[in-house]
Each structure stands twice: as structure tokens, then as C-alpha cells.
Protein backbone atom coordinates (compact mmCIF):
# COMPACT_ATOMS: atom_id res chain seq x y z
CA MET A 1 0.00 0.00 0.00
CA LYS A 2 2.85 2.39 0.84
CA ARG A 3 4.60 1.43 -2.39
CA ARG A 4 1.47 2.28 -4.39
CA GLY A 5 1.35 5.76 -2.83
CA ILE A 6 4.97 6.38 -3.76
CA SER A 7 4.31 5.16 -7.30
CA THR A 8 1.30 7.45 -7.59
CA MET A 9 3.29 10.46 -6.33
CA LEU A 10 6.13 9.65 -8.72
CA GLY A 11 3.66 9.36 -11.61
CA VAL A 12 2.06 12.70 -10.76
CA TRP A 13 5.48 14.32 -10.53
CA LEU A 14 6.58 12.92 -13.90
CA LEU A 15 3.34 14.03 -15.54
CA THR A 16 3.75 17.52 -14.12
CA ALA A 17 7.36 17.68 -15.31
CA ALA A 18 6.34 16.53 -18.80
CA ILE A 19 3.76 19.33 -19.01
CA VAL A 20 5.86 22.13 -17.47
CA CYS A 21 9.31 21.50 -19.01
CA PRO A 22 8.33 22.09 -22.66
CA GLN A 23 6.68 25.37 -21.63
CA ILE A 24 9.83 26.47 -19.80
CA ASN A 25 12.00 25.59 -22.79
CA ALA A 26 9.65 27.42 -25.17
CA GLN A 27 9.91 30.55 -23.03
CA ALA A 28 13.69 30.23 -22.75
CA ASN A 29 14.09 29.95 -26.54
CA LYS A 30 11.84 32.93 -27.31
CA PRO A 31 13.98 35.76 -28.67
CA GLU A 32 13.85 38.96 -26.68
CA PRO A 33 12.56 42.03 -28.48
CA ALA A 34 15.23 44.49 -29.53
CA PRO A 35 15.60 47.38 -27.08
CA MET A 36 14.31 50.75 -28.21
CA LYS A 37 17.09 52.97 -29.45
CA LEU A 38 16.23 56.58 -28.74
CA LYS A 39 18.43 59.41 -29.90
CA VAL A 40 18.70 62.93 -28.55
CA GLY A 41 15.72 64.85 -29.85
CA ASP A 42 13.48 61.80 -30.42
CA VAL A 43 9.94 61.93 -29.06
CA ALA A 44 9.75 59.78 -25.94
CA PRO A 45 7.30 56.88 -26.00
CA ASP A 46 4.36 57.12 -23.63
CA PHE A 47 4.82 55.43 -20.26
CA LYS A 48 3.00 55.30 -16.95
CA LEU A 49 4.57 55.58 -13.50
CA GLN A 50 3.34 55.75 -9.95
CA TYR A 51 4.35 58.48 -7.56
CA PHE A 52 3.76 59.03 -3.88
CA ASP A 53 2.24 62.40 -3.01
CA GLY A 54 2.74 62.01 0.73
CA SER A 55 -0.42 60.05 1.42
CA ASP A 56 -1.31 57.93 -1.64
CA LEU A 57 0.22 56.31 -4.71
CA LYS A 58 -1.03 58.02 -7.85
CA ASP A 59 -0.58 57.23 -11.55
CA VAL A 60 0.98 59.71 -13.94
CA SER A 61 1.71 59.21 -17.63
CA LEU A 62 3.81 61.14 -20.08
CA SER A 63 0.80 61.65 -22.35
CA GLN A 64 -0.80 63.82 -19.65
CA TYR A 65 1.90 66.44 -20.28
CA ARG A 66 2.45 66.02 -24.03
CA GLY A 67 2.02 69.37 -25.77
CA LYS A 68 1.37 71.19 -22.48
CA SER A 69 4.78 71.52 -20.86
CA ASN A 70 8.33 70.22 -20.99
CA VAL A 71 9.13 67.10 -19.00
CA VAL A 72 12.49 66.03 -17.61
CA VAL A 73 12.83 62.43 -16.49
CA ALA A 74 15.65 61.79 -14.03
CA PHE A 75 16.55 58.52 -12.32
CA TYR A 76 18.27 58.51 -8.96
CA VAL A 77 19.52 54.97 -8.56
CA PHE A 78 20.00 55.01 -4.79
CA ALA A 79 17.41 57.62 -3.84
CA PHE A 80 15.59 56.79 -0.61
CA THR A 81 17.35 53.43 -0.22
CA GLY A 82 19.71 54.32 2.60
CA GLY A 83 22.62 52.83 0.67
């Protein structure tokens, strides 16, 4: 009886591996899209970010400002990390 339980568990494991492994390999072999190559002066693609206004997280997108004002995007790698 104990041997049958082990056989059943082994069978379930093998079946799961047979289903999952081809999906993992298919994802691993999928070519990555080429990164966007922007040049100075190119129009930036639209993107959405979240910001904290002191009490809540809010969404903001570049399209909200397009044609209304200039936007500067700056990234501070270690900002607010204590490192």
C-alpha cells in the first residue's frame, strides 16, 4: 500500500514535469525584443509611473503632459534606499 502511494506520487510528478518542461523551454528559446534605441531629440514613447504624493500612490503618464509643458525624467539609482 505504501509502495502504491509512492508510485502514484512519482507518476504525478513525472506528468507535471512533462507538461511544465516544454513550456519552460519554449519561453527560454523565445527571442527577446530588440531594445528601443532613442536618440537625442526623439519623441519619448508614452509610459506610466506611480508616484507618492505624501499620502497615496497616484498614476501619472507622459501623455498627460504632451504638448502642455516640458518634462524632464531623471533617475536617482540610490534615492531613498539608505545605501
